[in-house]
Every structure is written in C-alpha cells, then in structure tokens.
Amino acid sequence: IVTFERESGQFGYDVNNEWNWKHNGG
C-alpha cells in the first residue's frame, strides 16, 4: 500500500492476546 500515513502505535495485542486499542493515553 502506498500511503503517507504513519503507524500511530496505538494498536496491538492486549493482555488477553486480542488485537485491540492499547489505551495507552494516545
């Protein structure tokens, strides 16, 4: 994919190993 968007770093695996919003103050 060609895009100028960058990763926000706000998404990933949570403590239940489910891919999700990290809720890290972003």
PDB file of all heavy atoms in Angstrom:
ATOM      1  N   ILE A   1       0.862  -1.186   0.000  1.00  0.00           N
ATOM      2  CA  ILE A   1       0.000   0.000   0.000  1.00  0.00           C
ATOM      3  C   ILE A   1       0.892   1.228   0.000  1.00  0.00           C
ATOM      4  O   ILE A   1       1.853   1.310   0.762  1.00  0.00           O
ATOM      5  CB  ILE A   1      -0.929   0.005   1.223  1.00  0.00           C
ATOM      6  CG1 ILE A   1      -1.894  -1.182   1.153  1.00  0.00           C
ATOM      7  CG2 ILE A   1      -1.679   1.325   1.332  1.00  0.00           C
ATOM      8  CD1 ILE A   1      -2.774  -1.345   2.371  1.00  0.00           C
ATOM      9  N   VAL A   2       0.556   2.171  -0.855  1.00  0.00           N
ATOM     10  CA  VAL A   2       1.281   3.435  -0.913  1.00  0.00           C
ATOM     11  C   VAL A   2       0.457   4.479  -0.157  1.00  0.00           C
ATOM     12  O   VAL A   2      -0.680   4.763  -0.530  1.00  0.00           O
ATOM     13  CB  VAL A   2       1.512   3.892  -2.370  1.00  0.00           C
ATOM     14  CG1 VAL A   2       2.245   5.223  -2.407  1.00  0.00           C
ATOM     15  CG2 VAL A   2       2.285   2.825  -3.148  1.00  0.00           C
ATOM     16  N   THR A   3       1.023   5.002   0.917  1.00  0.00           N
ATOM     17  CA  THR A   3       0.329   5.979   1.755  1.00  0.00           C
ATOM     18  C   THR A   3       1.335   6.849   2.482  1.00  0.00           C
ATOM     19  O   THR A   3       2.461   6.424   2.724  1.00  0.00           O
ATOM     20  CB  THR A   3      -0.583   5.271   2.789  1.00  0.00           C
ATOM     21  OG1 THR A   3      -1.261   6.254   3.576  1.00  0.00           O
ATOM     22  CG2 THR A   3       0.188   4.337   3.689  1.00  0.00           C
ATOM     23  N   PHE A   4       0.915   8.054   2.811  1.00  0.00           N
ATOM     24  CA  PHE A   4       1.750   8.911   3.648  1.00  0.00           C
ATOM     25  C   PHE A   4       1.374   8.771   5.117  1.00  0.00           C
ATOM     26  O   PHE A   4       1.993   9.385   5.980  1.00  0.00           O
ATOM     27  CB  PHE A   4       1.657  10.379   3.219  1.00  0.00           C
ATOM     28  CG  PHE A   4       2.499  10.687   2.008  1.00  0.00           C
ATOM     29  CD1 PHE A   4       1.918  11.146   0.850  1.00  0.00           C
ATOM     30  CD2 PHE A   4       3.872  10.511   2.031  1.00  0.00           C
ATOM     31  CE1 PHE A   4       2.680  11.437  -0.268  1.00  0.00           C
ATOM     32  CE2 PHE A   4       4.649  10.798   0.925  1.00  0.00           C
ATOM     33  CZ  PHE A   4       4.046  11.263  -0.237  1.00  0.00           C
ATOM     34  N   GLU A   5       0.360   7.956   5.419  1.00  0.00           N
ATOM     35  CA  GLU A   5       0.006   7.736   6.825  1.00  0.00           C
ATOM     36  C   GLU A   5       1.135   6.971   7.508  1.00  0.00           C
ATOM     37  O   GLU A   5       1.814   6.152   6.900  1.00  0.00           O
ATOM     38  CB  GLU A   5      -1.284   6.924   6.947  1.00  0.00           C
ATOM     39  CG  GLU A   5      -2.512   7.704   6.606  1.00  0.00           C
ATOM     40  CD  GLU A   5      -3.793   6.934   6.900  1.00  0.00           C
ATOM     41  OE1 GLU A   5      -3.734   5.800   7.430  1.00  0.00           O
ATOM     42  OE2 GLU A   5      -4.855   7.478   6.593  1.00  0.00           O
ATOM     43  N   ARG A   6       1.305   7.249   8.788  1.00  0.00           N
ATOM     44  CA  ARG A   6       2.300   6.546   9.601  1.00  0.00           C
ATOM     45  C   ARG A   6       1.596   5.797  10.715  1.00  0.00           C
ATOM     46  O   ARG A   6       0.512   6.184  11.140  1.00  0.00           O
ATOM     47  CB  ARG A   6       3.284   7.542  10.212  1.00  0.00           C
ATOM     48  CG  ARG A   6       4.113   8.238   9.177  1.00  0.00           C
ATOM     49  CD  ARG A   6       5.027   9.229   9.832  1.00  0.00           C
ATOM     50  NE  ARG A   6       5.755   9.940   8.806  1.00  0.00           N
ATOM     51  CZ  ARG A   6       7.067  10.073   8.808  1.00  0.00           C
ATOM     52  NH1 ARG A   6       7.777   9.585   9.787  1.00  0.00           N
ATOM     53  NH2 ARG A   6       7.664  10.712   7.832  1.00  0.00           N
ATOM     54  N   GLU A   7       2.244   4.736  11.182  1.00  0.00           N
ATOM     55  CA  GLU A   7       1.675   3.982  12.309  1.00  0.00           C
ATOM     56  C   GLU A   7       1.469   4.914  13.497  1.00  0.00           C
ATOM     57  O   GLU A   7       2.311   5.749  13.790  1.00  0.00           O
ATOM     58  CB  GLU A   7       2.624   2.861  12.747  1.00  0.00           C
ATOM     59  CG  GLU A   7       2.660   1.696  11.813  1.00  0.00           C
ATOM     60  CD  GLU A   7       3.535   0.583  12.360  1.00  0.00           C
ATOM     61  OE1 GLU A   7       3.369   0.207  13.538  1.00  0.00           O
ATOM     62  OE2 GLU A   7       4.385   0.099  11.602  1.00  0.00           O
ATOM     63  N   SER A   8       0.348   4.733  14.174  1.00  0.00           N
ATOM     64  CA  SER A   8       0.087   5.541  15.369  1.00  0.00           C
ATOM     65  C   SER A   8       0.682   4.891  16.607  1.00  0.00           C
ATOM     66  O   SER A   8       0.901   5.547  17.608  1.00  0.00           O
ATOM     67  CB  SER A   8      -1.419   5.715  15.574  1.00  0.00           C
ATOM     68  OG  SER A   8      -2.004   4.479  15.968  1.00  0.00           O
ATOM     69  N   GLY A   9       0.916   3.578  16.527  1.00  0.00           N
ATOM     70  CA  GLY A   9       1.422   2.865  17.685  1.00  0.00           C
ATOM     71  C   GLY A   9       0.360   2.639  18.747  1.00  0.00           C
ATOM     72  O   GLY A   9       0.652   2.180  19.838  1.00  0.00           O
ATOM     73  N   GLN A  10      -0.879   2.945  18.431  1.00  0.00           N
ATOM     74  CA  GLN A  10      -1.967   2.842  19.398  1.00  0.00           C
ATOM     75  C   GLN A  10      -2.662   1.482  19.373  1.00  0.00           C
ATOM     76  O   GLN A  10      -3.529   1.224  20.184  1.00  0.00           O
ATOM     77  CB  GLN A  10      -3.013   3.929  19.143  1.00  0.00           C
ATOM     78  CG  GLN A  10      -2.464   5.317  19.257  1.00  0.00           C
ATOM     79  CD  GLN A  10      -1.922   5.602  20.643  1.00  0.00           C
ATOM     80  OE1 GLN A  10      -2.530   5.284  21.639  1.00  0.00           O
ATOM     81  NE2 GLN A  10      -0.747   6.191  20.700  1.00  0.00           N
ATOM     82  N   PHE A  11      -2.308   0.650  18.425  1.00  0.00           N
ATOM     83  CA  PHE A  11      -2.980  -0.626  18.299  1.00  0.00           C
ATOM     84  C   PHE A  11      -1.996  -1.769  18.425  1.00  0.00           C
ATOM     85  O   PHE A  11      -0.867  -1.676  17.994  1.00  0.00           O
ATOM     86  CB  PHE A  11      -3.720  -0.694  16.961  1.00  0.00           C
ATOM     87  CG  PHE A  11      -4.776   0.347  16.866  1.00  0.00           C
ATOM     88  CD1 PHE A  11      -4.487   1.618  16.408  1.00  0.00           C
ATOM     89  CD2 PHE A  11      -6.060   0.084  17.291  1.00  0.00           C
ATOM     90  CE1 PHE A  11      -5.449   2.603  16.361  1.00  0.00           C
ATOM     91  CE2 PHE A  11      -7.028   1.059  17.252  1.00  0.00           C
ATOM     92  CZ  PHE A  11      -6.723   2.323  16.786  1.00  0.00           C
ATOM     93  N   GLY A  12      -2.430  -2.854  19.036  1.00  0.00           N
ATOM     94  CA  GLY A  12      -1.577  -4.010  19.221  1.00  0.00           C
ATOM     95  C   GLY A  12      -2.299  -5.061  20.025  1.00  0.00           C
ATOM     96  O   GLY A  12      -3.514  -5.003  20.198  1.00  0.00           O
ATOM     97  N   TYR A  13      -1.560  -6.011  20.537  1.00  0.00           N
ATOM     98  CA  TYR A  13      -2.164  -7.085  21.322  1.00  0.00           C
ATOM     99  C   TYR A  13      -2.292  -6.655  22.778  1.00  0.00           C
ATOM    100  O   TYR A  13      -1.375  -6.107  23.356  1.00  0.00           O
ATOM    101  CB  TYR A  13      -1.333  -8.360  21.212  1.00  0.00           C
ATOM    102  CG  TYR A  13      -1.436  -8.967  19.836  1.00  0.00           C
ATOM    103  CD1 TYR A  13      -0.501  -8.664  18.858  1.00  0.00           C
ATOM    104  CD2 TYR A  13      -2.490  -9.806  19.512  1.00  0.00           C
ATOM    105  CE1 TYR A  13      -0.612  -9.198  17.588  1.00  0.00           C
ATOM    106  CE2 TYR A  13      -2.605 -10.343  18.244  1.00  0.00           C
ATOM    107  CZ  TYR A  13      -1.665 -10.043  17.293  1.00  0.00           C
ATOM    108  OH  TYR A  13      -1.775 -10.558  16.040  1.00  0.00           O
ATOM    109  N   ASP A  14      -3.459  -6.929  23.363  1.00  0.00           N
ATOM    110  CA  ASP A  14      -3.675  -6.573  24.763  1.00  0.00           C
ATOM    111  C   ASP A  14      -3.304  -7.743  25.671  1.00  0.00           C
ATOM    112  O   ASP A  14      -2.789  -8.765  25.204  1.00  0.00           O
ATOM    113  CB  ASP A  14      -5.112  -6.089  25.005  1.00  0.00           C
ATOM    114  CG  ASP A  14      -6.166  -7.172  24.764  1.00  0.00           C
ATOM    115  OD1 ASP A  14      -5.814  -8.375  24.716  1.00  0.00           O
ATOM    116  OD2 ASP A  14      -7.342  -6.822  24.634  1.00  0.00           O
ATOM    117  N   VAL A  15      -3.571  -7.630  26.962  1.00  0.00           N
ATOM    118  CA  VAL A  15      -3.187  -8.659  27.929  1.00  0.00           C
ATOM    119  C   VAL A  15      -3.890  -9.993  27.687  1.00  0.00           C
ATOM    120  O   VAL A  15      -3.407 -11.029  28.105  1.00  0.00           O
ATOM    121  CB  VAL A  15      -3.438  -8.191  29.386  1.00  0.00           C
ATOM    122  CG1 VAL A  15      -2.528  -7.044  29.730  1.00  0.00           C
ATOM    123  CG2 VAL A  15      -4.891  -7.821  29.607  1.00  0.00           C
ATOM    124  N   ASN A  16      -5.019  -9.970  26.991  1.00  0.00           N
ATOM    125  CA  ASN A  16      -5.735 -11.206  26.654  1.00  0.00           C
ATOM    126  C   ASN A  16      -5.318 -11.754  25.292  1.00  0.00           C
ATOM    127  O   ASN A  16      -5.956 -12.636  24.746  1.00  0.00           O
ATOM    128  CB  ASN A  16      -7.251 -10.962  26.657  1.00  0.00           C
ATOM    129  CG  ASN A  16      -7.733 -10.564  28.022  1.00  0.00           C
ATOM    130  OD1 ASN A  16      -7.295 -11.112  29.032  1.00  0.00           O
ATOM    131  ND2 ASN A  16      -8.632  -9.592  28.068  1.00  0.00           N
ATOM    132  N   ASN A  17      -4.234 -11.188  24.753  1.00  0.00           N
ATOM    133  CA  ASN A  17      -3.722 -11.574  23.438  1.00  0.00           C
ATOM    134  C   ASN A  17      -4.739 -11.335  22.326  1.00  0.00           C
ATOM    135  O   ASN A  17      -4.768 -12.038  21.333  1.00  0.00           O
ATOM    136  CB  ASN A  17      -3.235 -13.021  23.428  1.00  0.00           C
ATOM    137  CG  ASN A  17      -2.152 -13.228  22.374  1.00  0.00           C
ATOM    138  OD1 ASN A  17      -1.422 -12.312  22.031  1.00  0.00           O
ATOM    139  ND2 ASN A  17      -2.063 -14.433  21.861  1.00  0.00           N
ATOM    140  N   GLU A  18      -5.590 -10.330  22.514  1.00  0.00           N
ATOM    141  CA  GLU A  18      -6.545  -9.939  21.492  1.00  0.00           C
ATOM    142  C   GLU A  18      -6.058  -8.639  20.873  1.00  0.00           C
ATOM    143  O   GLU A  18      -5.631  -7.731  21.570  1.00  0.00           O
ATOM    144  CB  GLU A  18      -7.934  -9.741  22.096  1.00  0.00           C
ATOM    145  CG  GLU A  18      -8.546 -11.028  22.590  1.00  0.00           C
ATOM    146  CD  GLU A  18      -9.929 -10.807  23.166  1.00  0.00           C
ATOM    147  OE1 GLU A  18     -10.556  -9.777  22.863  1.00  0.00           O
ATOM    148  OE2 GLU A  18     -10.378 -11.676  23.912  1.00  0.00           O
ATOM    149  N   TRP A  19      -6.161  -8.547  19.546  1.00  0.00           N
ATOM    150  CA  TRP A  19      -5.684  -7.358  18.861  1.00  0.00           C
ATOM    151  C   TRP A  19      -6.687  -6.241  19.090  1.00  0.00           C
ATOM    152  O   TRP A  19      -7.870  -6.399  18.853  1.00  0.00           O
ATOM    153  CB  TRP A  19      -5.515  -7.643  17.389  1.00  0.00           C
ATOM    154  CG  TRP A  19      -4.660  -6.649  16.744  1.00  0.00           C
ATOM    155  CD1 TRP A  19      -3.315  -6.559  16.827  1.00  0.00           C
ATOM    156  CD2 TRP A  19      -5.075  -5.582  15.920  1.00  0.00           C
ATOM    157  NE1 TRP A  19      -2.867  -5.506  16.101  1.00  0.00           N
ATOM    158  CE2 TRP A  19      -3.922  -4.885  15.523  1.00  0.00           C
ATOM    159  CE3 TRP A  19      -6.296  -5.140  15.461  1.00  0.00           C
ATOM    160  CZ2 TRP A  19      -3.968  -3.778  14.699  1.00  0.00           C
ATOM    161  CZ3 TRP A  19      -6.343  -4.044  14.642  1.00  0.00           C
ATOM    162  CH2 TRP A  19      -5.181  -3.372  14.270  1.00  0.00           C
ATOM    163  N   ASN A  20      -6.193  -5.082  19.576  1.00  0.00           N
ATOM    164  CA  ASN A  20      -7.104  -4.123  20.143  1.00  0.00           C
ATOM    165  C   ASN A  20      -6.435  -2.774  20.352  1.00  0.00           C
ATOM    166  O   ASN A  20      -5.235  -2.631  20.237  1.00  0.00           O
ATOM    167  CB  ASN A  20      -7.519  -4.765  21.469  1.00  0.00           C
ATOM    168  CG  ASN A  20      -8.603  -4.141  22.223  1.00  0.00           C
ATOM    169  OD1 ASN A  20      -8.737  -2.941  22.239  1.00  0.00           O
ATOM    170  ND2 ASN A  20      -9.375  -4.976  22.868  1.00  0.00           N
ATOM    171  N   TRP A  21      -7.230  -1.793  20.727  1.00  0.00           N
ATOM    172  CA  TRP A  21      -6.755  -0.458  21.130  1.00  0.00           C
ATOM    173  C   TRP A  21      -5.954  -0.602  22.410  1.00  0.00           C
ATOM    174  O   TRP A  21      -6.408  -1.223  23.361  1.00  0.00           O
ATOM    175  CB  TRP A  21      -7.966   0.437  21.334  1.00  0.00           C
ATOM    176  CG  TRP A  21      -7.706   1.786  21.914  1.00  0.00           C
ATOM    177  CD1 TRP A  21      -8.071   2.207  23.145  1.00  0.00           C
ATOM    178  CD2 TRP A  21      -7.056   2.887  21.300  1.00  0.00           C
ATOM    179  NE1 TRP A  21      -7.685   3.495  23.329  1.00  0.00           N
ATOM    180  CE2 TRP A  21      -7.058   3.938  22.217  1.00  0.00           C
ATOM    181  CE3 TRP A  21      -6.454   3.074  20.060  1.00  0.00           C
ATOM    182  CZ2 TRP A  21      -6.497   5.173  21.940  1.00  0.00           C
ATOM    183  CZ3 TRP A  21      -5.906   4.311  19.791  1.00  0.00           C
ATOM    184  CH2 TRP A  21      -5.930   5.334  20.710  1.00  0.00           C
ATOM    185  N   LYS A  22      -4.770  -0.046  22.472  1.00  0.00           N
ATOM    186  CA  LYS A  22      -3.894  -0.229  23.627  1.00  0.00           C
ATOM    187  C   LYS A  22      -4.278   0.608  24.839  1.00  0.00           C
ATOM    188  O   LYS A  22      -3.818   0.341  25.936  1.00  0.00           O
ATOM    189  CB  LYS A  22      -2.453   0.106  23.249  1.00  0.00           C
ATOM    190  CG  LYS A  22      -1.770  -0.935  22.420  1.00  0.00           C
ATOM    191  CD  LYS A  22      -0.328  -0.514  22.223  1.00  0.00           C
ATOM    192  CE  LYS A  22       0.430  -1.476  21.381  1.00  0.00           C
ATOM    193  NZ  LYS A  22       1.791  -1.034  21.161  1.00  0.00           N
ATOM    194  N   HIS A  23      -5.074   1.648  24.655  1.00  0.00           N
ATOM    195  CA  HIS A  23      -5.445   2.542  25.763  1.00  0.00           C
ATOM    196  C   HIS A  23      -4.213   3.083  26.476  1.00  0.00           C
ATOM    197  O   HIS A  23      -4.127   3.069  27.680  1.00  0.00           O
ATOM    198  CB  HIS A  23      -6.353   1.833  26.777  1.00  0.00           C
ATOM    199  CG  HIS A  23      -7.635   1.381  26.200  1.00  0.00           C
ATOM    200  ND1 HIS A  23      -8.636   2.247  25.860  1.00  0.00           N
ATOM    201  CD2 HIS A  23      -8.074   0.151  25.868  1.00  0.00           C
ATOM    202  CE1 HIS A  23      -9.653   1.563  25.352  1.00  0.00           C
ATOM    203  NE2 HIS A  23      -9.331   0.302  25.341  1.00  0.00           N
ATOM    204  N   ASN A  24      -3.245   3.528  25.688  1.00  0.00           N
ATOM    205  CA  ASN A  24      -2.003   3.995  26.309  1.00  0.00           C
ATOM    206  C   ASN A  24      -1.910   5.520  26.346  1.00  0.00           C
ATOM    207  O   ASN A  24      -0.837   6.086  26.322  1.00  0.00           O
ATOM    208  CB  ASN A  24      -0.780   3.399  25.615  1.00  0.00           C
ATOM    209  CG  ASN A  24      -0.669   3.845  24.173  1.00  0.00           C
ATOM    210  OD1 ASN A  24      -1.483   4.600  23.679  1.00  0.00           O
ATOM    211  ND2 ASN A  24       0.347   3.364  23.491  1.00  0.00           N
ATOM    212  N   GLY A  25      -3.044   6.171  26.426  1.00  0.00           N
ATOM    213  CA  GLY A  25      -3.047   7.623  26.522  1.00  0.00           C
ATOM    214  C   GLY A  25      -2.940   8.327  25.186  1.00  0.00           C
ATOM    215  O   GLY A  25      -2.744   9.530  25.133  1.00  0.00           O
ATOM    216  N   GLY A  26      -3.105   7.577  24.116  1.00  0.00           N
ATOM    217  CA  GLY A  26      -2.998   8.168  22.785  1.00  0.00           C
ATOM    218  C   GLY A  26      -4.252   8.931  22.407  1.00  0.00           C
ATOM    219  O   GLY A  26      -5.150   9.117  23.211  1.00  0.00           O
TER     220      GLY A  26
END
